[in-house]
PDB file of N, CA and C in Angstrom:
ATOM      1  N   MET A   1     -13.009   8.407  17.316  1.00  0.00           N
ATOM      2  CA  MET A   1     -12.752   9.738  17.343  1.00  0.00           C
ATOM      3  C   MET A   1     -13.848   9.992  15.901  1.00  0.00           C
ATOM      4  N   PRO A   2     -14.029  10.989  16.250  1.00  0.00           N
ATOM      5  CA  PRO A   2     -14.911  11.126  14.683  1.00  0.00           C
ATOM      6  C   PRO A   2     -14.238  12.368  14.208  1.00  0.00           C
ATOM      7  N   VAL A   3     -14.530  12.498  12.566  1.00  0.00           N
ATOM      8  CA  VAL A   3     -13.546  13.444  11.493  1.00  0.00           C
ATOM      9  C   VAL A   3     -14.245  14.656  11.823  1.00  0.00           C
ATOM     10  N   SER A   4     -13.560  15.725  11.683  1.00  0.00           N
ATOM     11  CA  SER A   4     -14.847  17.103  11.988  1.00  0.00           C
ATOM     12  C   SER A   4     -14.321  16.931  10.907  1.00  0.00           C
ATOM     13  N   GLU A   5     -15.695  18.625   9.752  1.00  0.00           N
ATOM     14  CA  GLU A   5     -15.780  18.559   8.528  1.00  0.00           C
ATOM     15  C   GLU A   5     -14.684  19.041   8.131  1.00  0.00           C
ATOM     16  N   ALA A   6     -14.054  20.061   9.248  1.00  0.00           N
ATOM     17  CA  ALA A   6     -13.281  20.624   8.093  1.00  0.00           C
ATOM     18  C   ALA A   6     -11.551  20.046   7.740  1.00  0.00           C
ATOM     19  N   ARG A   7     -11.979  18.317   8.319  1.00  0.00           N
ATOM     20  CA  ARG A   7     -10.393  17.694   8.483  1.00  0.00           C
ATOM     21  C   ARG A   7     -11.095  16.892   7.262  1.00  0.00           C
ATOM     22  N   ARG A   8     -12.238  16.899   7.128  1.00  0.00           N
ATOM     23  CA  ARG A   8     -13.135  16.022   5.639  1.00  0.00           C
ATOM     24  C   ARG A   8     -12.752  16.957   4.008  1.00  0.00           C
ATOM     25  N   ARG A   9     -13.090  18.301   4.354  1.00  0.00           N
ATOM     26  CA  ARG A   9     -12.978  19.024   3.655  1.00  0.00           C
ATOM     27  C   ARG A   9     -11.310  19.543   3.203  1.00  0.00           C
ATOM     28  N   ALA A  10     -10.696  19.281   4.096  1.00  0.00           N
ATOM     29  CA  ALA A  10      -9.180  19.568   3.708  1.00  0.00           C
ATOM     30  C   ALA A  10      -8.511  18.357   3.278  1.00  0.00           C
ATOM     31  N   ASN A  11      -8.651  17.148   3.659  1.00  0.00           N
ATOM     32  CA  ASN A  11      -8.500  15.607   2.837  1.00  0.00           C
ATOM     33  C   ASN A  11      -9.172  15.401   1.857  1.00  0.00           C
ATOM     34  N   LYS A  12     -10.421  16.061   1.422  1.00  0.00           N
ATOM     35  CA  LYS A  12     -10.645  16.545  -0.463  1.00  0.00           C
ATOM     36  C   LYS A  12      -9.501  17.292  -1.487  1.00  0.00           C
ATOM     37  N   LYS A  13      -9.714  17.506  -0.710  1.00  0.00           N
ATOM     38  CA  LYS A  13      -9.255  18.634  -1.211  1.00  0.00           C
ATOM     39  C   LYS A  13      -7.129  18.330  -1.504  1.00  0.00           C
ATOM     40  N   TRP A  14      -7.004  17.692  -0.311  1.00  0.00           N
ATOM     41  CA  TRP A  14      -5.701  17.315  -1.168  1.00  0.00           C
ATOM     42  C   TRP A  14      -5.761  15.796  -1.581  1.00  0.00           C
ATOM     43  N   ASN A  15      -6.818  15.063  -1.287  1.00  0.00           N
ATOM     44  CA  ASN A  15      -7.051  13.994  -2.055  1.00  0.00           C
ATOM     45  C   ASN A  15      -7.070  14.309  -3.904  1.00  0.00           C
ATOM     46  N   ASP A  16      -7.942  15.783  -4.439  1.00  0.00           N
ATOM     47  CA  ASP A  16      -8.398  15.976  -5.465  1.00  0.00           C
ATOM     48  C   ASP A  16      -7.198  17.045  -5.946  1.00  0.00           C
ATOM     49  N   ALA A  17      -5.939  16.823  -5.591  1.00  0.00           N
ATOM     50  CA  ALA A  17      -4.594  17.528  -6.215  1.00  0.00           C
ATOM     51  C   ALA A  17      -3.586  16.506  -6.615  1.00  0.00           C
ATOM     52  N   ASN A  18      -3.867  15.894  -5.930  1.00  0.00           N
ATOM     53  CA  ASN A  18      -2.720  14.441  -5.537  1.00  0.00           C
ATOM     54  C   ASN A  18      -2.648  13.396  -5.706  1.00  0.00           C
ATOM     55  N   MET A  19      -4.236  13.035  -5.267  1.00  0.00           N
ATOM     56  CA  MET A  19      -3.696  11.280  -5.978  1.00  0.00           C
ATOM     57  C   MET A  19      -3.622  11.236  -6.964  1.00  0.00           C
ATOM     58  N   LYS A  20      -4.629  11.679  -8.388  1.00  0.00           N
ATOM     59  CA  LYS A  20      -4.427  11.045  -9.626  1.00  0.00           C
ATOM     60  C   LYS A  20      -3.413  11.375 -10.171  1.00  0.00           C
ATOM     61  N   GLU A  21      -2.814  13.113  -9.927  1.00  0.00           N
ATOM     62  CA  GLU A  21      -1.165  12.890 -10.178  1.00  0.00           C
ATOM     63  C   GLU A  21       0.615  11.980  -9.759  1.00  0.00           C
ATOM     64  N   LYS A  22      -0.610  11.309  -8.178  1.00  0.00           N
ATOM     65  CA  LYS A  22       0.867  10.623  -7.641  1.00  0.00           C
ATOM     66  C   LYS A  22       0.923   9.768  -7.387  1.00  0.00           C
ATOM     67  N   TYR A  23      -0.648   8.546  -8.540  1.00  0.00           N
ATOM     68  CA  TYR A  23      -0.633   7.075  -7.413  1.00  0.00           C
ATOM     69  C   TYR A  23      -1.662   6.481  -8.431  1.00  0.00           C
ATOM     70  N   ASP A  24      -1.321   5.495  -9.345  1.00  0.00           N
ATOM     71  CA  ASP A  24      -2.514   4.508 -10.294  1.00  0.00           C
ATOM     72  C   ASP A  24      -2.521   3.971  -9.139  1.00  0.00           C
ATOM     73  N   ARG A  25      -3.883   3.149  -9.720  1.00  0.00           N
ATOM     74  CA  ARG A  25      -5.109   2.795  -9.228  1.00  0.00           C
ATOM     75  C   ARG A  25      -5.219   1.532  -9.469  1.00  0.00           C
ATOM     76  N   ILE A  26      -5.390   0.117  -8.309  1.00  0.00           N
ATOM     77  CA  ILE A  26      -5.087  -0.866  -8.940  1.00  0.00           C
ATOM     78  C   ILE A  26      -6.772  -1.489  -8.321  1.00  0.00           C
ATOM     79  N   GLN A  27      -6.743  -2.649  -9.296  1.00  0.00           N
ATOM     80  CA  GLN A  27      -8.569  -3.360  -8.692  1.00  0.00           C
ATOM     81  C   GLN A  27      -8.185  -4.749  -8.423  1.00  0.00           C
ATOM     82  N   LEU A  28      -8.399  -5.123  -7.873  1.00  0.00           N
ATOM     83  CA  LEU A  28      -8.401  -6.610  -7.644  1.00  0.00           C
ATOM     84  C   LEU A  28      -9.393  -7.593  -6.970  1.00  0.00           C
ATOM     85  N   LEU A  29      -9.627  -8.448  -7.744  1.00  0.00           N
ATOM     86  CA  LEU A  29     -10.385  -9.075  -7.444  1.00  0.00           C
ATOM     87  C   LEU A  29      -9.374 -10.924  -6.965  1.00  0.00           C
ATOM     88  N   VAL A  30     -10.731 -10.811  -6.015  1.00  0.00           N
ATOM     89  CA  VAL A  30      -9.753 -11.749  -5.041  1.00  0.00           C
ATOM     90  C   VAL A  30     -11.187 -13.124  -4.857  1.00  0.00           C
ATOM     91  N   PRO A  31     -10.816 -14.313  -4.772  1.00  0.00           N
ATOM     92  CA  PRO A  31     -12.021 -14.954  -4.318  1.00  0.00           C
ATOM     93  C   PRO A  31     -12.779 -15.064  -3.336  1.00  0.00           C
ATOM     94  N   LYS A  32     -14.035 -15.066  -2.637  1.00  0.00           N
ATOM     95  CA  LYS A  32     -15.663 -14.820  -1.821  1.00  0.00           C
ATOM     96  C   LYS A  32     -14.369 -15.446  -0.535  1.00  0.00           C
ATOM     97  N   GLY A  33     -14.570 -14.792   0.097  1.00  0.00           N
ATOM     98  CA  GLY A  33     -13.659 -14.891   2.011  1.00  0.00           C
ATOM     99  C   GLY A  33     -12.105 -14.751   2.160  1.00  0.00           C
ATOM    100  N   TYR A  34     -11.753 -14.687   0.724  1.00  0.00           N
ATOM    101  CA  TYR A  34      -9.974 -14.764   1.063  1.00  0.00           C
ATOM    102  C   TYR A  34      -9.817 -13.321   1.221  1.00  0.00           C
ATOM    103  N   LYS A  35     -10.572 -11.676   0.639  1.00  0.00           N
ATOM    104  CA  LYS A  35     -10.068 -11.138   2.020  1.00  0.00           C
ATOM    105  C   LYS A  35     -10.236 -10.287   3.140  1.00  0.00           C
ATOM    106  N   ALA A  36     -11.072 -11.738   3.876  1.00  0.00           N
ATOM    107  CA  ALA A  36     -11.122 -11.574   5.384  1.00  0.00           C
ATOM    108  C   ALA A  36      -9.818 -12.797   5.722  1.00  0.00           C
ATOM    109  N   GLU A  37      -9.185 -13.246   4.531  1.00  0.00           N
ATOM    110  CA  GLU A  37      -7.888 -13.908   4.916  1.00  0.00           C
ATOM    111  C   GLU A  37      -6.754 -12.364   4.927  1.00  0.00           C
ATOM    112  N   ILE A  38      -6.951 -11.849   4.138  1.00  0.00           N
ATOM    113  CA  ILE A  38      -5.918 -10.936   3.984  1.00  0.00           C
ATOM    114  C   ILE A  38      -5.980  -9.938   5.199  1.00  0.00           C
ATOM    115  N   GLU A  39      -7.228  -9.647   5.333  1.00  0.00           N
ATOM    116  CA  GLU A  39      -7.399  -7.856   5.638  1.00  0.00           C
ATOM    117  C   GLU A  39      -6.498  -8.562   8.024  1.00  0.00           C
ATOM    118  N   SER A  40      -6.787 -10.284   7.652  1.00  0.00           N
ATOM    119  CA  SER A  40      -6.709 -10.728   8.956  1.00  0.00           C
ATOM    120  C   SER A  40      -4.998 -11.101   9.214  1.00  0.00           C
ATOM    121  N   ALA A  41      -4.384 -11.083   7.869  1.00  0.00           N
ATOM    122  CA  ALA A  41      -2.919 -11.036   8.253  1.00  0.00           C
ATOM    123  C   ALA A  41      -2.286  -9.812   7.890  1.00  0.00           C
ATOM    124  N   ALA A  42      -3.022  -8.830   7.466  1.00  0.00           N
ATOM    125  CA  ALA A  42      -2.324  -7.295   7.563  1.00  0.00           C
ATOM    126  C   ALA A  42      -2.396  -7.014   9.635  1.00  0.00           C
ATOM    127  N   THR A  43      -3.890  -7.084   9.842  1.00  0.00           N
ATOM    128  CA  THR A  43      -3.550  -7.049  11.432  1.00  0.00           C
ATOM    129  C   THR A  43      -2.761  -7.614  11.905  1.00  0.00           C
ATOM    130  N   MET A  44      -2.521  -9.132  11.919  1.00  0.00           N
ATOM    131  CA  MET A  44      -1.448 -10.051  12.559  1.00  0.00           C
ATOM    132  C   MET A  44      -0.353  -9.253  12.662  1.00  0.00           C
ATOM    133  N   VAL A  45       0.418  -9.128  10.715  1.00  0.00           N
ATOM    134  CA  VAL A  45       1.577  -8.086  11.436  1.00  0.00           C
ATOM    135  C   VAL A  45       1.371  -6.776  11.798  1.00  0.00           C
ATOM    136  N   SER A  46       0.412  -5.790  11.670  1.00  0.00           N
ATOM    137  CA  SER A  46       0.509  -4.489  12.685  1.00  0.00           C
ATOM    138  C   SER A  46       0.118  -5.323  13.651  1.00  0.00           C
ATOM    139  N   SER A  47       0.051  -6.456  14.344  1.00  0.00           N
ATOM    140  CA  SER A  47      -0.050  -5.842  15.908  1.00  0.00           C
ATOM    141  C   SER A  47       1.530  -6.902  16.244  1.00  0.00           C
ATOM    142  N   LEU A  48       2.251  -7.744  15.010  1.00  0.00           N
ATOM    143  CA  LEU A  48       3.173  -8.154  15.168  1.00  0.00           C
ATOM    144  C   LEU A  48       4.498  -6.591  15.219  1.00  0.00           C
ATOM    145  N   SER A  49       4.643  -6.192  14.500  1.00  0.00           N
ATOM    146  CA  SER A  49       5.920  -5.665  14.542  1.00  0.00           C
ATOM    147  C   SER A  49       5.081  -3.262  14.669  1.00  0.00           C
ATOM    148  N   GLY A  50       4.274  -3.759  15.556  1.00  0.00           N
ATOM    149  CA  GLY A  50       4.236  -2.582  16.533  1.00  0.00           C
ATOM    150  C   GLY A  50       3.680  -1.420  15.756  1.00  0.00           C
ATOM    151  N   ARG A  51       3.331  -1.899  14.390  1.00  0.00           N
ATOM    152  CA  ARG A  51       3.383  -0.574  12.863  1.00  0.00           C
ATOM    153  C   ARG A  51       1.443  -0.649  12.613  1.00  0.00           C
ATOM    154  N   LYS A  52       0.995   0.193  12.128  1.00  0.00           N
ATOM    155  CA  LYS A  52      -0.494  -0.147  11.734  1.00  0.00           C
ATOM    156  C   LYS A  52      -0.205   0.438   9.889  1.00  0.00           C
ATOM    157  N   VAL A  53      -0.437  -1.826   9.260  1.00  0.00           N
ATOM    158  CA  VAL A  53      -0.464  -1.883   8.306  1.00  0.00           C
ATOM    159  C   VAL A  53      -1.050  -1.962   7.568  1.00  0.00           C
ATOM    160  N   SER A  54      -2.108  -1.562   7.441  1.00  0.00           N
ATOM    161  CA  SER A  54      -3.448  -1.732   5.976  1.00  0.00           C
ATOM    162  C   SER A  54      -3.565  -2.459   5.195  1.00  0.00           C
ATOM    163  N   VAL A  55      -3.954  -2.766   4.902  1.00  0.00           N
ATOM    164  CA  VAL A  55      -4.748  -4.177   3.313  1.00  0.00           C
ATOM    165  C   VAL A  55      -3.474  -3.667   2.247  1.00  0.00           C
ATOM    166  N   SER A  56      -3.782  -2.374   2.062  1.00  0.00           N
ATOM    167  CA  SER A  56      -3.125  -1.978   1.143  1.00  0.00           C
ATOM    168  C   SER A  56      -1.186  -2.118   0.746  1.00  0.00           C
ATOM    169  N   GLU A  57      -1.455  -1.683   1.988  1.00  0.00           N
ATOM    170  CA  GLU A  57       0.104  -1.929   2.834  1.00  0.00           C
ATOM    171  C   GLU A  57       1.024  -2.374   2.310  1.00  0.00           C
ATOM    172  N   PHE A  58       0.112  -3.951   3.095  1.00  0.00           N
ATOM    173  CA  PHE A  58       0.150  -5.670   3.467  1.00  0.00           C
ATOM    174  C   PHE A  58       0.231  -6.299   1.800  1.00  0.00           C
ATOM    175  N   ILE A  59      -0.512  -5.864   1.074  1.00  0.00           N
ATOM    176  CA  ILE A  59      -0.705  -6.283  -0.474  1.00  0.00           C
ATOM    177  C   ILE A  59       0.823  -5.652  -1.173  1.00  0.00           C
ATOM    178  N   LYS A  60       0.809  -4.567  -0.971  1.00  0.00           N
ATOM    179  CA  LYS A  60       2.833  -3.806  -2.031  1.00  0.00           C
ATOM    180  C   LYS A  60       3.712  -3.870  -1.321  1.00  0.00           C
ATOM    181  N   GLU A  61       3.919  -5.144  -0.107  1.00  0.00           N
ATOM    182  CA  GLU A  61       5.085  -5.650   0.624  1.00  0.00           C
ATOM    183  C   GLU A  61       5.252  -6.506  -0.083  1.00  0.00           C
ATOM    184  N   ALA A  62       3.911  -7.262   0.312  1.00  0.00           N
ATOM    185  CA  ALA A  62       4.115  -8.205  -0.526  1.00  0.00           C
ATOM    186  C   ALA A  62       4.191  -8.602  -1.838  1.00  0.00           C
ATOM    187  N   VAL A  63       3.672  -8.066  -2.735  1.00  0.00           N
ATOM    188  CA  VAL A  63       4.281  -7.479  -4.438  1.00  0.00           C
ATOM    189  C   VAL A  63       5.555  -7.409  -4.062  1.00  0.00           C
ATOM    190  N   GLN A  64       6.588  -5.961  -3.554  1.00  0.00           N
ATOM    191  CA  GLN A  64       7.186  -6.324  -3.605  1.00  0.00           C
ATOM    192  C   GLN A  64       8.186  -6.872  -2.810  1.00  0.00           C
ATOM    193  N   GLU A  65       7.827  -8.020  -2.229  1.00  0.00           N
ATOM    194  CA  GLU A  65       8.615  -8.823  -1.187  1.00  0.00           C
ATOM    195  C   GLU A  65       9.241 -10.333  -2.618  1.00  0.00           C
ATOM    196  N   LYS A  66       7.805 -10.574  -3.535  1.00  0.00           N
ATOM    197  CA  LYS A  66       7.748 -10.995  -4.591  1.00  0.00           C
ATOM    198  C   LYS A  66       9.256 -10.347  -5.261  1.00  0.00           C
ATOM    199  N   ILE A  67       8.378  -9.622  -6.158  1.00  0.00           N
ATOM    200  CA  ILE A  67       9.359  -9.395  -7.592  1.00  0.00           C
ATOM    201  C   ILE A  67      11.215  -9.071  -6.910  1.00  0.00           C
ATOM    202  N   ASP A  68      10.979  -8.761  -5.702  1.00  0.00           N
ATOM    203  CA  ASP A  68      12.885  -9.131  -5.280  1.00  0.00           C
ATOM    204  C   ASP A  68      13.067 -10.704  -4.958  1.00  0.00           C
ATOM    205  N   ARG A  69      11.960 -11.992  -4.404  1.00  0.00           N
ATOM    206  CA  ARG A  69      12.040 -12.569  -4.440  1.00  0.00           C
ATOM    207  C   ARG A  69      13.053 -13.476  -5.880  1.00  0.00           C
ATOM    208  N   GLU A  70      12.442 -13.116  -6.998  1.00  0.00           N
ATOM    209  CA  GLU A  70      12.152 -13.455  -7.830  1.00  0.00           C
ATOM    210  C   GLU A  70      12.558 -12.856  -8.901  1.00  0.00           C
ATOM    211  N   ASN A  71      13.701 -11.897  -8.524  1.00  0.00           N
ATOM    212  CA  ASN A  71      14.897 -10.735  -9.441  1.00  0.00           C
ATOM    213  C   ASN A  71      13.954 -10.686 -10.490  1.00  0.00           C
ATOM    214  N   LEU A  72      13.161  -9.951 -10.705  1.00  0.00           N
ATOM    215  CA  LEU A  72      11.840  -9.678 -11.756  1.00  0.00           C
ATOM    216  C   LEU A  72      11.793  -8.680 -12.565  1.00  0.00           C
ATOM    217  N   LEU A  73      12.894  -7.696 -11.651  1.00  0.00           N
ATOM    218  CA  LEU A  73      13.444  -6.102 -12.090  1.00  0.00           C
ATOM    219  C   LEU A  73      14.657  -6.489 -12.267  1.00  0.00           C
ATOM    220  N   PRO A  74      15.451  -5.538 -13.503  1.00  0.00           N
ATOM    221  CA  PRO A  74      16.775  -5.405 -13.333  1.00  0.00           C
ATOM    222  C   PRO A  74      17.088  -4.666 -12.477  1.00  0.00           C
ATOM    223  N   ALA A  75      18.097  -4.600 -12.369  1.00  0.00           N
ATOM    224  CA  ALA A  75      19.375  -4.280 -11.107  1.00  0.00           C
ATOM    225  C   ALA A  75      19.154  -2.962 -11.113  1.00  0.00           C
ATOM    226  N   PRO A  76      18.909  -1.176 -10.410  1.00  0.00           N
ATOM    227  CA  PRO A  76      19.213  -0.293 -10.687  1.00  0.00           C
ATOM    228  C   PRO A  76      20.975  -0.436 -11.243  1.00  0.00           C
ATOM    229  N   ALA A  77      20.704   0.545 -12.683  1.00  0.00           N
ATOM    230  CA  ALA A  77      22.137   1.487 -12.483  1.00  0.00           C
ATOM    231  C   ALA A  77      23.102   1.762 -11.538  1.00  0.00           C
ATOM    232  N   ALA A  78      23.808   1.458 -12.139  1.00  0.00           N
ATOM    233  CA  ALA A  78      25.279   1.371 -10.530  1.00  0.00           C
ATOM    234  C   ALA A  78      25.157   3.198 -10.900  1.00  0.00           C
ATOM    235  N   PRO A  79      25.705   4.051 -10.674  1.00  0.00           N
ATOM    236  CA  PRO A  79      25.962   5.127 -10.661  1.00  0.00           C
ATOM    237  C   PRO A  79      26.977   5.949 -11.373  1.00  0.00           C
ATOM    238  N   PRO A  80      27.368   6.661 -12.523  1.00  0.00           N
ATOM    239  CA  PRO A  80      28.734   6.722 -12.786  1.00  0.00           C
ATOM    240  C   PRO A  80      29.775   6.994 -11.968  1.00  0.00           C
ATOM    241  N   GLN A  81      30.850   6.697 -12.666  1.00  0.00           N
ATOM    242  CA  GLN A  81      32.819   6.675 -11.593  1.00  0.00           C
ATOM    243  C   GLN A  81      32.841   8.018 -12.306  1.00  0.00           C
ATOM    244  N   ASP A  82      33.690   8.949 -11.998  1.00  0.00           N
ATOM    245  CA  ASP A  82      34.407   9.633 -11.930  1.00  0.00           C
ATOM    246  C   ASP A  82      36.039   9.011 -12.233  1.00  0.00           C
TER     247      ASP A  82
END
């Protein structure tokens, strides 16, 4: 289904106002053919989980799983007790 011109303008307006403020961009270079493998894996996760998983979301989840598994970040500080 095509996106209306009004929707495009609204998306551009939101992106211009929010993307640079709320998100960082990481460029990822992979060997030829590996991009297709990542896209295929994201599609497979989408079909198995019943939720749409973008390539970006797939990569973010994979990185987070690695960080958690390897304990690469310190545990969050415990809240102060009264």
